[in-house]
């Protein structure tokens, strides 16, 4: 499934760090930066999470929350958050159903091997629950700032 700007964001509910759950409905009436990443504690994913953490005040001033999602367990998210002082929630999509709904569970190739995995992607979801902007095949360097700039119109 391919989502486009203006489409309703697919609904979700999943386990999150800290033993709770997180759902799209939790953000109703607020902007949400929903970013998908392959794995906790890998270099690119750590850098991306730290960039969102470091810009969190700016996102909050722009009226947006941040939610990171990967196939890792909630317990692994707890360790990742503690290790890197992350202050926004991380959702656990172990069965990759949410990644599939957002079209980011894709076939990948590395070193001649083909496998299924997360395509690093970010969705800006508006207060109305519709997709306002999409970044696919994200390059980590400068990405958090680009998302913040889109929110603030810079």
Protein backbone atom coordinates (compact mmCIF):
# COMPACT_ATOMS: atom_id res chain seq x y z
CA UNK A 1 0.00 0.00 0.00
CA UNK A 2 1.30 3.44 -0.88
CA UNK A 3 0.18 6.36 1.22
CA UNK A 4 0.04 9.88 -0.12
CA UNK A 5 -0.17 13.34 1.38
CA UNK A 6 -3.80 13.99 2.30
CA UNK A 7 -4.63 10.36 3.03
CA UNK A 8 -5.96 9.46 6.47
CA UNK A 9 -3.14 8.07 8.58
CA UNK A 10 -3.64 4.34 9.20
CA UNK A 11 -4.80 3.76 12.75
CA UNK A 12 -2.51 1.88 15.10
CA UNK A 13 -2.08 0.67 18.63
CA UNK A 14 1.10 -1.04 19.81
CA UNK A 15 3.18 -1.76 22.89
CA UNK A 16 5.59 1.01 23.82
CA UNK A 17 8.55 1.51 26.09
CA UNK A 18 7.75 1.71 29.79
CA UNK A 19 5.23 -1.13 29.63
CA UNK A 20 2.37 0.90 28.17
CA UNK A 21 0.71 1.15 24.81
CA UNK A 22 0.61 3.92 22.26
CA UNK A 23 -2.10 4.61 19.69
CA UNK A 24 -2.74 7.11 16.93
CA UNK A 25 -5.78 8.30 18.88
CA UNK A 26 -3.48 9.44 21.70
CA UNK A 27 -2.34 12.27 19.38
CA UNK A 28 -5.75 13.39 18.10
CA UNK A 29 -5.84 17.18 17.78
CA UNK A 30 -2.05 17.38 17.75
CA UNK A 31 0.60 17.02 15.05
CA UNK A 32 2.60 13.80 15.14
CA UNK A 33 6.02 13.05 13.69
CA UNK A 34 5.86 9.28 13.20
CA UNK A 35 9.23 7.93 12.22
CA UNK A 36 10.08 4.34 11.34
CA UNK A 37 13.61 3.04 11.83
CA UNK A 38 15.17 -0.42 11.42
CA UNK A 39 16.73 -1.25 14.81
CA UNK A 40 17.66 0.11 18.20
CA UNK A 41 21.34 0.70 18.91
CA UNK A 42 22.61 0.68 15.35
CA UNK A 43 24.69 3.69 14.26
CA UNK A 44 22.17 5.33 11.91
CA UNK A 45 19.17 4.66 14.13
CA UNK A 46 20.97 5.98 17.20
CA UNK A 47 22.04 9.14 15.37
CA UNK A 48 18.49 9.71 14.12
CA UNK A 49 16.96 9.21 17.59
CA UNK A 50 19.50 11.57 19.16
CA UNK A 51 18.76 14.23 16.52
CA UNK A 52 15.03 14.05 17.27
CA UNK A 53 15.81 14.14 21.02
CA UNK A 54 18.03 17.20 20.62
CA UNK A 55 15.35 19.04 18.61
CA UNK A 56 12.42 18.00 20.82
CA UNK A 57 11.88 21.48 22.29
CA UNK A 58 11.48 22.88 18.78
CA UNK A 59 8.99 20.17 17.86
CA UNK A 60 7.00 20.83 21.01
CA UNK A 61 6.95 24.60 20.32
CA UNK A 62 5.60 23.75 16.85
CA UNK A 63 2.82 21.72 18.49
CA UNK A 64 4.13 18.31 17.45
CA UNK A 65 4.86 15.10 19.28
CA UNK A 66 7.44 12.53 18.15
CA UNK A 67 6.96 8.76 18.07
CA UNK A 68 9.66 6.37 16.87
CA UNK A 69 8.67 2.89 15.69
CA UNK A 70 10.76 -0.21 15.01
CA UNK A 71 10.25 -3.98 15.17
CA UNK A 72 12.26 -4.14 18.42
CA UNK A 73 10.59 -5.25 21.66
CA UNK A 74 9.40 -2.73 24.22
CA UNK A 75 12.06 -4.04 26.63
CA UNK A 76 14.78 -3.33 24.05
CA UNK A 77 13.29 0.15 23.58
CA UNK A 78 13.57 0.70 27.36
CA UNK A 79 17.31 -0.05 27.24
CA UNK A 80 17.82 2.08 24.11
CA UNK A 81 15.99 5.05 25.66
CA UNK A 82 17.94 4.82 28.91
CA UNK A 83 21.30 4.47 27.17
CA UNK A 84 20.73 7.54 24.96
CA UNK A 85 18.52 9.68 27.25
CA UNK A 86 15.63 9.65 24.77
CA UNK A 87 12.60 11.54 26.02
CA UNK A 88 9.90 10.62 23.49
CA UNK A 89 8.04 7.30 23.18
CA UNK A 90 9.16 4.34 21.08
CA UNK A 91 6.58 1.91 19.74
CA UNK A 92 7.18 -1.79 19.27
CA UNK A 93 5.92 -3.16 15.94
CA UNK A 94 7.21 -6.73 16.34
CA UNK A 95 4.82 -8.21 13.78
CA UNK A 96 5.48 -5.24 11.44
CA UNK A 97 1.72 -4.76 10.88
CA UNK A 98 2.00 -1.00 11.36
CA UNK A 99 5.03 -0.77 9.08
CA UNK A 100 3.04 -2.68 6.47
CA UNK A 101 0.05 -0.34 6.86
CA UNK A 102 2.36 2.64 6.25
CA UNK A 103 4.09 0.92 3.33
CA UNK A 104 7.53 0.88 4.93
CA UNK A 105 7.98 -2.89 5.39
CA UNK A 106 9.84 -3.57 2.15
CA UNK A 107 12.22 -5.95 0.46
CA UNK A 108 15.80 -4.86 1.01
CA UNK A 109 19.15 -6.02 -0.33
CA UNK A 110 22.51 -6.02 1.38
CA UNK A 111 25.66 -7.90 0.43
CA UNK A 112 23.75 -9.94 -2.14
CA UNK A 113 21.16 -11.03 0.42
CA UNK A 114 17.46 -10.18 0.08
CA UNK A 115 15.33 -9.75 3.19
CA UNK A 116 12.33 -7.85 4.50
CA UNK A 117 12.86 -4.82 6.72
CA UNK A 118 11.97 -1.24 7.56
CA UNK A 119 12.56 1.47 4.97
CA UNK A 120 13.61 4.44 7.11
CA UNK A 121 10.67 6.81 6.66
CA UNK A 122 8.90 9.66 8.45
CA UNK A 123 5.28 10.74 8.31
CA UNK A 124 4.02 14.09 9.53
CA UNK A 125 0.42 13.59 10.60
CA UNK A 126 -1.74 16.67 11.03
CA UNK A 127 -4.17 17.46 13.84
CA UNK A 128 -6.93 16.16 11.57
CA UNK A 129 -5.34 12.69 11.38
CA UNK A 130 -4.32 13.10 7.75
CA UNK A 131 -0.82 12.74 6.37
CA UNK A 132 0.64 16.20 5.86
CA UNK A 133 4.09 15.21 4.60
CA UNK A 134 6.11 12.05 3.87
CA UNK A 135 9.85 11.45 3.81
CA UNK A 136 10.88 8.07 2.35
CA UNK A 137 14.32 6.48 2.14
CA UNK A 138 15.49 8.95 4.75
CA UNK A 139 19.15 9.93 5.02
CA UNK A 140 19.79 10.50 8.71
CA UNK A 141 22.08 13.53 8.52
CA UNK A 142 19.94 16.68 8.70
CA UNK A 143 16.64 14.78 8.64
CA UNK A 144 15.28 15.86 12.05
CA UNK A 145 15.98 19.48 11.16
CA UNK A 146 14.27 19.08 7.78
CA UNK A 147 11.15 17.74 9.51
CA UNK A 148 11.22 20.60 12.02
CA UNK A 149 11.65 23.12 9.18
CA UNK A 150 8.59 21.63 7.45
CA UNK A 151 6.60 22.10 10.64
CA UNK A 152 7.68 25.68 11.21
CA UNK A 153 7.66 26.76 7.56
CA UNK A 154 11.38 27.58 7.53
